[in-house]
Amino acid sequence: MPGRLKIILAFALLGFLAGVIAYVTYKEVIPVLIKSFPFLLSTEWFISGLAGAGFTLILIVLWAYVSKQ
């Protein structure tokens, strides 16, 4: 299998897994968090911080897999 096709399929798989994780988070985890911490999850700064932390973690993990050090 050519190298480019492997990379495209790897990114397709990563995108699929990210979608599944986002779906499970939306359906299962967020309602539990809202019930447990309604005062904290209603603030915009906290939600923005969570989104930024998640995005940064995704970028770091991708960078770690791509770099060859």
PDB file of N, CA and C in Angstrom:
ATOM      1  N   MET A   1       0.853  -1.175   0.000  1.00  0.00           N
ATOM      2  CA  MET A   1       0.000   0.000   0.000  1.00  0.00           C
ATOM      3  C   MET A   1       0.901   1.239   0.000  1.00  0.00           C
ATOM      4  N   PRO A   2       0.696   2.143  -0.930  1.00  0.00           N
ATOM      5  CA  PRO A   2       1.535   3.348  -0.993  1.00  0.00           C
ATOM      6  C   PRO A   2       1.452   4.171   0.289  1.00  0.00           C
ATOM      7  N   GLY A   3       2.517   4.950   0.529  1.00  0.00           N
ATOM      8  CA  GLY A   3       2.619   5.730   1.759  1.00  0.00           C
ATOM      9  C   GLY A   3       1.503   6.744   1.941  1.00  0.00           C
ATOM     10  N   ARG A   4       1.134   7.428   0.872  1.00  0.00           N
ATOM     11  CA  ARG A   4       0.090   8.453   0.995  1.00  0.00           C
ATOM     12  C   ARG A   4      -1.256   7.847   1.366  1.00  0.00           C
ATOM     13  N   LEU A   5      -1.544   6.709   0.802  1.00  0.00           N
ATOM     14  CA  LEU A   5      -2.814   6.056   1.102  1.00  0.00           C
ATOM     15  C   LEU A   5      -2.864   5.627   2.566  1.00  0.00           C
ATOM     16  N   LYS A   6      -1.746   5.161   3.101  1.00  0.00           N
ATOM     17  CA  LYS A   6      -1.691   4.795   4.516  1.00  0.00           C
ATOM     18  C   LYS A   6      -1.956   6.000   5.401  1.00  0.00           C
ATOM     19  N   ILE A   7      -1.372   7.135   5.058  1.00  0.00           N
ATOM     20  CA  ILE A   7      -1.562   8.347   5.858  1.00  0.00           C
ATOM     21  C   ILE A   7      -3.009   8.816   5.777  1.00  0.00           C
ATOM     22  N   ILE A   8      -3.584   8.776   4.591  1.00  0.00           N
ATOM     23  CA  ILE A   8      -4.980   9.201   4.432  1.00  0.00           C
ATOM     24  C   ILE A   8      -5.901   8.294   5.243  1.00  0.00           C
ATOM     25  N   LEU A   9      -5.663   6.990   5.175  1.00  0.00           N
ATOM     26  CA  LEU A   9      -6.493   6.059   5.939  1.00  0.00           C
ATOM     27  C   LEU A   9      -6.286   6.229   7.443  1.00  0.00           C
ATOM     28  N   ALA A  10      -5.057   6.531   7.859  1.00  0.00           N
ATOM     29  CA  ALA A  10      -4.798   6.759   9.281  1.00  0.00           C
ATOM     30  C   ALA A  10      -5.555   7.991   9.768  1.00  0.00           C
ATOM     31  N   PHE A  11      -5.549   9.065   8.983  1.00  0.00           N
ATOM     32  CA  PHE A  11      -6.287  10.263   9.384  1.00  0.00           C
ATOM     33  C   PHE A  11      -7.794  10.035   9.342  1.00  0.00           C
ATOM     34  N   ALA A  12      -8.251   9.228   8.401  1.00  0.00           N
ATOM     35  CA  ALA A  12      -9.677   8.895   8.369  1.00  0.00           C
ATOM     36  C   ALA A  12     -10.069   8.128   9.626  1.00  0.00           C
ATOM     37  N   LEU A  13      -9.222   7.193  10.041  1.00  0.00           N
ATOM     38  CA  LEU A  13      -9.485   6.433  11.264  1.00  0.00           C
ATOM     39  C   LEU A  13      -9.460   7.346  12.488  1.00  0.00           C
ATOM     40  N   LEU A  14      -8.481   8.242  12.559  1.00  0.00           N
ATOM     41  CA  LEU A  14      -8.417   9.186  13.682  1.00  0.00           C
ATOM     42  C   LEU A  14      -9.652  10.087  13.718  1.00  0.00           C
ATOM     43  N   GLY A  15     -10.091  10.538  12.555  1.00  0.00           N
ATOM     44  CA  GLY A  15     -11.295  11.363  12.495  1.00  0.00           C
ATOM     45  C   GLY A  15     -12.527  10.603  12.939  1.00  0.00           C
ATOM     46  N   PHE A  16     -12.629   9.343  12.530  1.00  0.00           N
ATOM     47  CA  PHE A  16     -13.752   8.509  12.950  1.00  0.00           C
ATOM     48  C   PHE A  16     -13.746   8.329  14.464  1.00  0.00           C
ATOM     49  N   LEU A  17     -12.572   8.016  15.025  1.00  0.00           N
ATOM     50  CA  LEU A  17     -12.473   7.832  16.473  1.00  0.00           C
ATOM     51  C   LEU A  17     -12.784   9.124  17.221  1.00  0.00           C
ATOM     52  N   ALA A  18     -12.332  10.250  16.701  1.00  0.00           N
ATOM     53  CA  ALA A  18     -12.641  11.529  17.333  1.00  0.00           C
ATOM     54  C   ALA A  18     -14.150  11.785  17.321  1.00  0.00           C
ATOM     55  N   GLY A  19     -14.807  11.430  16.230  1.00  0.00           N
ATOM     56  CA  GLY A  19     -16.253  11.589  16.151  1.00  0.00           C
ATOM     57  C   GLY A  19     -16.990  10.701  17.139  1.00  0.00           C
ATOM     58  N   VAL A  20     -16.543   9.463  17.278  1.00  0.00           N
ATOM     59  CA  VAL A  20     -17.165   8.547  18.234  1.00  0.00           C
ATOM     60  C   VAL A  20     -16.971   9.066  19.659  1.00  0.00           C
ATOM     61  N   ILE A  21     -15.767   9.501  19.977  1.00  0.00           N
ATOM     62  CA  ILE A  21     -15.489  10.031  21.319  1.00  0.00           C
ATOM     63  C   ILE A  21     -16.318  11.276  21.586  1.00  0.00           C
ATOM     64  N   ALA A  22     -16.447  12.148  20.599  1.00  0.00           N
ATOM     65  CA  ALA A  22     -17.265  13.356  20.772  1.00  0.00           C
ATOM     66  C   ALA A  22     -18.730  12.987  21.007  1.00  0.00           C
ATOM     67  N   TYR A  23     -19.226  11.992  20.283  1.00  0.00           N
ATOM     68  CA  TYR A  23     -20.612  11.562  20.450  1.00  0.00           C
ATOM     69  C   TYR A  23     -20.854  10.996  21.845  1.00  0.00           C
ATOM     70  N   VAL A  24     -19.959  10.120  22.288  1.00  0.00           N
ATOM     71  CA  VAL A  24     -20.114   9.518  23.616  1.00  0.00           C
ATOM     72  C   VAL A  24     -20.009  10.593  24.692  1.00  0.00           C
ATOM     73  N   THR A  25     -19.083  11.518  24.516  1.00  0.00           N
ATOM     74  CA  THR A  25     -18.946  12.611  25.477  1.00  0.00           C
ATOM     75  C   THR A  25     -20.222  13.437  25.537  1.00  0.00           C
ATOM     76  N   TYR A  26     -20.776  13.747  24.378  1.00  0.00           N
ATOM     77  CA  TYR A  26     -21.987  14.566  24.330  1.00  0.00           C
ATOM     78  C   TYR A  26     -23.184  13.842  24.951  1.00  0.00           C
ATOM     79  N   LYS A  27     -23.310  12.558  24.690  1.00  0.00           N
ATOM     80  CA  LYS A  27     -24.479  11.815  25.159  1.00  0.00           C
ATOM     81  C   LYS A  27     -24.361  11.327  26.598  1.00  0.00           C
ATOM     82  N   GLU A  28     -23.174  10.968  27.042  1.00  0.00           N
ATOM     83  CA  GLU A  28     -23.019  10.313  28.341  1.00  0.00           C
ATOM     84  C   GLU A  28     -22.316  11.178  29.392  1.00  0.00           C
ATOM     85  N   VAL A  29     -21.201  11.759  29.052  1.00  0.00           N
ATOM     86  CA  VAL A  29     -20.357  12.420  30.046  1.00  0.00           C
ATOM     87  C   VAL A  29     -20.886  13.800  30.419  1.00  0.00           C
ATOM     88  N   ILE A  30     -21.268  14.588  29.447  1.00  0.00           N
ATOM     89  CA  ILE A  30     -21.694  15.961  29.731  1.00  0.00           C
ATOM     90  C   ILE A  30     -22.937  16.017  30.617  1.00  0.00           C
ATOM     91  N   PRO A  31     -23.983  15.196  30.401  1.00  0.00           N
ATOM     92  CA  PRO A  31     -25.126  15.241  31.325  1.00  0.00           C
ATOM     93  C   PRO A  31     -24.752  14.912  32.769  1.00  0.00           C
ATOM     94  N   VAL A  32     -23.836  13.963  32.956  1.00  0.00           N
ATOM     95  CA  VAL A  32     -23.403  13.622  34.315  1.00  0.00           C
ATOM     96  C   VAL A  32     -22.659  14.792  34.941  1.00  0.00           C
ATOM     97  N   LEU A  33     -21.799  15.432  34.170  1.00  0.00           N
ATOM     98  CA  LEU A  33     -21.067  16.591  34.692  1.00  0.00           C
ATOM     99  C   LEU A  33     -22.000  17.752  35.022  1.00  0.00           C
ATOM    100  N   ILE A  34     -22.995  17.971  34.193  1.00  0.00           N
ATOM    101  CA  ILE A  34     -23.941  19.068  34.449  1.00  0.00           C
ATOM    102  C   ILE A  34     -24.743  18.793  35.713  1.00  0.00           C
ATOM    103  N   LYS A  35     -25.126  17.547  35.941  1.00  0.00           N
ATOM    104  CA  LYS A  35     -25.854  17.213  37.166  1.00  0.00           C
ATOM    105  C   LYS A  35     -24.957  17.328  38.391  1.00  0.00           C
ATOM    106  N   SER A  36     -23.690  16.971  38.243  1.00  0.00           N
ATOM    107  CA  SER A  36     -22.767  16.992  39.373  1.00  0.00           C
ATOM    108  C   SER A  36     -22.275  18.398  39.712  1.00  0.00           C
ATOM    109  N   PHE A  37     -21.983  19.183  38.697  1.00  0.00           N
ATOM    110  CA  PHE A  37     -21.414  20.517  38.899  1.00  0.00           C
ATOM    111  C   PHE A  37     -22.180  21.567  38.097  1.00  0.00           C
ATOM    112  N   PRO A  38     -23.439  21.821  38.401  1.00  0.00           N
ATOM    113  CA  PRO A  38     -24.211  22.767  37.578  1.00  0.00           C
ATOM    114  C   PRO A  38     -23.677  24.194  37.648  1.00  0.00           C
ATOM    115  N   PHE A  39     -23.148  24.601  38.792  1.00  0.00           N
ATOM    116  CA  PHE A  39     -22.657  25.969  38.938  1.00  0.00           C
ATOM    117  C   PHE A  39     -21.384  26.189  38.130  1.00  0.00           C
ATOM    118  N   LEU A  40     -20.546  25.170  38.023  1.00  0.00           N
ATOM    119  CA  LEU A  40     -19.264  25.334  37.343  1.00  0.00           C
ATOM    120  C   LEU A  40     -19.404  25.237  35.837  1.00  0.00           C
ATOM    121  N   LEU A  41     -20.218  24.329  35.361  1.00  0.00           N
ATOM    122  CA  LEU A  41     -20.355  24.148  33.922  1.00  0.00           C
ATOM    123  C   LEU A  41     -21.262  25.180  33.267  1.00  0.00           C
ATOM    124  N   SER A  42     -21.875  26.040  34.035  1.00  0.00           N
ATOM    125  CA  SER A  42     -22.697  27.083  33.434  1.00  0.00           C
ATOM    126  C   SER A  42     -21.893  28.344  33.142  1.00  0.00           C
ATOM    127  N   THR A  43     -20.656  28.389  33.585  1.00  0.00           N
ATOM    128  CA  THR A  43     -19.829  29.563  33.322  1.00  0.00           C
ATOM    129  C   THR A  43     -19.103  29.403  31.995  1.00  0.00           C
ATOM    130  N   GLU A  44     -19.081  30.472  31.215  1.00  0.00           N
ATOM    131  CA  GLU A  44     -18.490  30.424  29.880  1.00  0.00           C
ATOM    132  C   GLU A  44     -16.985  30.207  29.924  1.00  0.00           C
ATOM    133  N   TRP A  45     -16.310  30.785  30.893  1.00  0.00           N
ATOM    134  CA  TRP A  45     -14.851  30.658  30.941  1.00  0.00           C
ATOM    135  C   TRP A  45     -14.428  29.218  31.177  1.00  0.00           C
ATOM    136  N   PHE A  46     -15.192  28.474  31.958  1.00  0.00           N
ATOM    137  CA  PHE A  46     -14.846  27.082  32.235  1.00  0.00           C
ATOM    138  C   PHE A  46     -15.033  26.220  30.995  1.00  0.00           C
ATOM    139  N   ILE A  47     -16.128  26.434  30.288  1.00  0.00           N
ATOM    140  CA  ILE A  47     -16.404  25.664  29.077  1.00  0.00           C
ATOM    141  C   ILE A  47     -15.353  25.978  28.011  1.00  0.00           C
ATOM    142  N   SER A  48     -14.969  27.240  27.876  1.00  0.00           N
ATOM    143  CA  SER A  48     -13.929  27.609  26.919  1.00  0.00           C
ATOM    144  C   SER A  48     -12.591  26.989  27.301  1.00  0.00           C
ATOM    145  N   GLY A  49     -12.297  26.951  28.578  1.00  0.00           N
ATOM    146  CA  GLY A  49     -11.061  26.335  29.040  1.00  0.00           C
ATOM    147  C   GLY A  49     -11.017  24.851  28.732  1.00  0.00           C
ATOM    148  N   LEU A  50     -12.130  24.156  28.937  1.00  0.00           N
ATOM    149  CA  LEU A  50     -12.189  22.733  28.604  1.00  0.00           C
ATOM    150  C   LEU A  50     -11.987  22.494  27.108  1.00  0.00           C
ATOM    151  N   ALA A  51     -12.620  23.318  26.298  1.00  0.00           N
ATOM    152  CA  ALA A  51     -12.478  23.172  24.851  1.00  0.00           C
ATOM    153  C   ALA A  51     -11.031  23.426  24.431  1.00  0.00           C
ATOM    154  N   GLY A  52     -10.409  24.450  24.982  1.00  0.00           N
ATOM    155  CA  GLY A  52      -9.019  24.746  24.656  1.00  0.00           C
ATOM    156  C   GLY A  52      -8.075  23.649  25.109  1.00  0.00           C
ATOM    157  N   ALA A  53      -8.310  23.103  26.289  1.00  0.00           N
ATOM    158  CA  ALA A  53      -7.466  22.018  26.788  1.00  0.00           C
ATOM    159  C   ALA A  53      -7.606  20.774  25.914  1.00  0.00           C
ATOM    160  N   GLY A  54      -8.822  20.440  25.528  1.00  0.00           N
ATOM    161  CA  GLY A  54      -9.036  19.282  24.668  1.00  0.00           C
ATOM    162  C   GLY A  54      -8.383  19.446  23.304  1.00  0.00           C
ATOM    163  N   PHE A  55      -8.522  20.629  22.725  1.00  0.00           N
ATOM    164  CA  PHE A  55      -7.922  20.898  21.422  1.00  0.00           C
ATOM    165  C   PHE A  55      -6.395  20.823  21.499  1.00  0.00           C
ATOM    166  N   THR A  56      -5.830  21.381  22.567  1.00  0.00           N
ATOM    167  CA  THR A  56      -4.379  21.343  22.740  1.00  0.00           C
ATOM    168  C   THR A  56      -3.882  19.919  22.921  1.00  0.00           C
ATOM    169  N   LEU A  57      -4.600  19.121  23.690  1.00  0.00           N
ATOM    170  CA  LEU A  57      -4.201  17.724  23.861  1.00  0.00           C
ATOM    171  C   LEU A  57      -4.219  16.961  22.548  1.00  0.00           C
ATOM    172  N   ILE A  58      -5.211  17.210  21.736  1.00  0.00           N
ATOM    173  CA  ILE A  58      -5.285  16.546  20.429  1.00  0.00           C
ATOM    174  C   ILE A  58      -4.084  16.938  19.571  1.00  0.00           C
ATOM    175  N   LEU A  59      -3.748  18.227  19.559  1.00  0.00           N
ATOM    176  CA  LEU A  59      -2.598  18.674  18.776  1.00  0.00           C
ATOM    177  C   LEU A  59      -1.294  18.062  19.279  1.00  0.00           C
ATOM    178  N   ILE A  60      -1.121  17.988  20.589  1.00  0.00           N
ATOM    179  CA  ILE A  60       0.098  17.412  21.160  1.00  0.00           C
ATOM    180  C   ILE A  60       0.211  15.930  20.824  1.00  0.00           C
ATOM    181  N   VAL A  61      -0.885  15.199  20.923  1.00  0.00           N
ATOM    182  CA  VAL A  61      -0.855  13.770  20.602  1.00  0.00           C
ATOM    183  C   VAL A  61      -0.530  13.568  19.126  1.00  0.00           C
ATOM    184  N   LEU A  62      -1.145  14.352  18.250  1.00  0.00           N
ATOM    185  CA  LEU A  62      -0.834  14.246  16.824  1.00  0.00           C
ATOM    186  C   LEU A  62       0.628  14.565  16.556  1.00  0.00           C
ATOM    187  N   TRP A  63       1.149  15.603  17.183  1.00  0.00           N
ATOM    188  CA  TRP A  63       2.545  15.966  17.001  1.00  0.00           C
ATOM    189  C   TRP A  63       3.467  14.847  17.490  1.00  0.00           C
ATOM    190  N   ALA A  64       3.133  14.227  18.603  1.00  0.00           N
ATOM    191  CA  ALA A  64       3.963  13.153  19.146  1.00  0.00           C
ATOM    192  C   ALA A  64       3.998  11.952  18.203  1.00  0.00           C
ATOM    193  N   TYR A  65       2.895  11.652  17.559  1.00  0.00           N
ATOM    194  CA  TYR A  65       2.890  10.534  16.627  1.00  0.00           C
ATOM    195  C   TYR A  65       3.619  10.859  15.330  1.00  0.00           C
ATOM    196  N   VAL A  66       3.567  12.114  14.907  1.00  0.00           N
ATOM    197  CA  VAL A  66       4.177  12.496  13.633  1.00  0.00           C
ATOM    198  C   VAL A  66       5.690  12.677  13.778  1.00  0.00           C
ATOM    199  N   SER A  67       6.149  13.232  14.886  1.00  0.00           N
ATOM    200  CA  SER A  67       7.583  13.483  15.054  1.00  0.00           C
ATOM    201  C   SER A  67       8.320  12.168  15.251  1.00  0.00           C
ATOM    202  N   LYS A  68       9.577  12.151  14.835  1.00  0.00           N
ATOM    203  CA  LYS A  68      10.348  10.906  14.874  1.00  0.00           C
ATOM    204  C   LYS A  68      11.503  10.981  15.856  1.00  0.00           C
ATOM    205  N   GLN A  69      11.390  11.735  16.915  1.00  0.00           N
ATOM    206  CA  GLN A  69      12.488  11.851  17.886  1.00  0.00           C
ATOM    207  C   GLN A  69      12.392  10.826  18.956  1.00  0.00           C
TER     208      GLN A  69
END
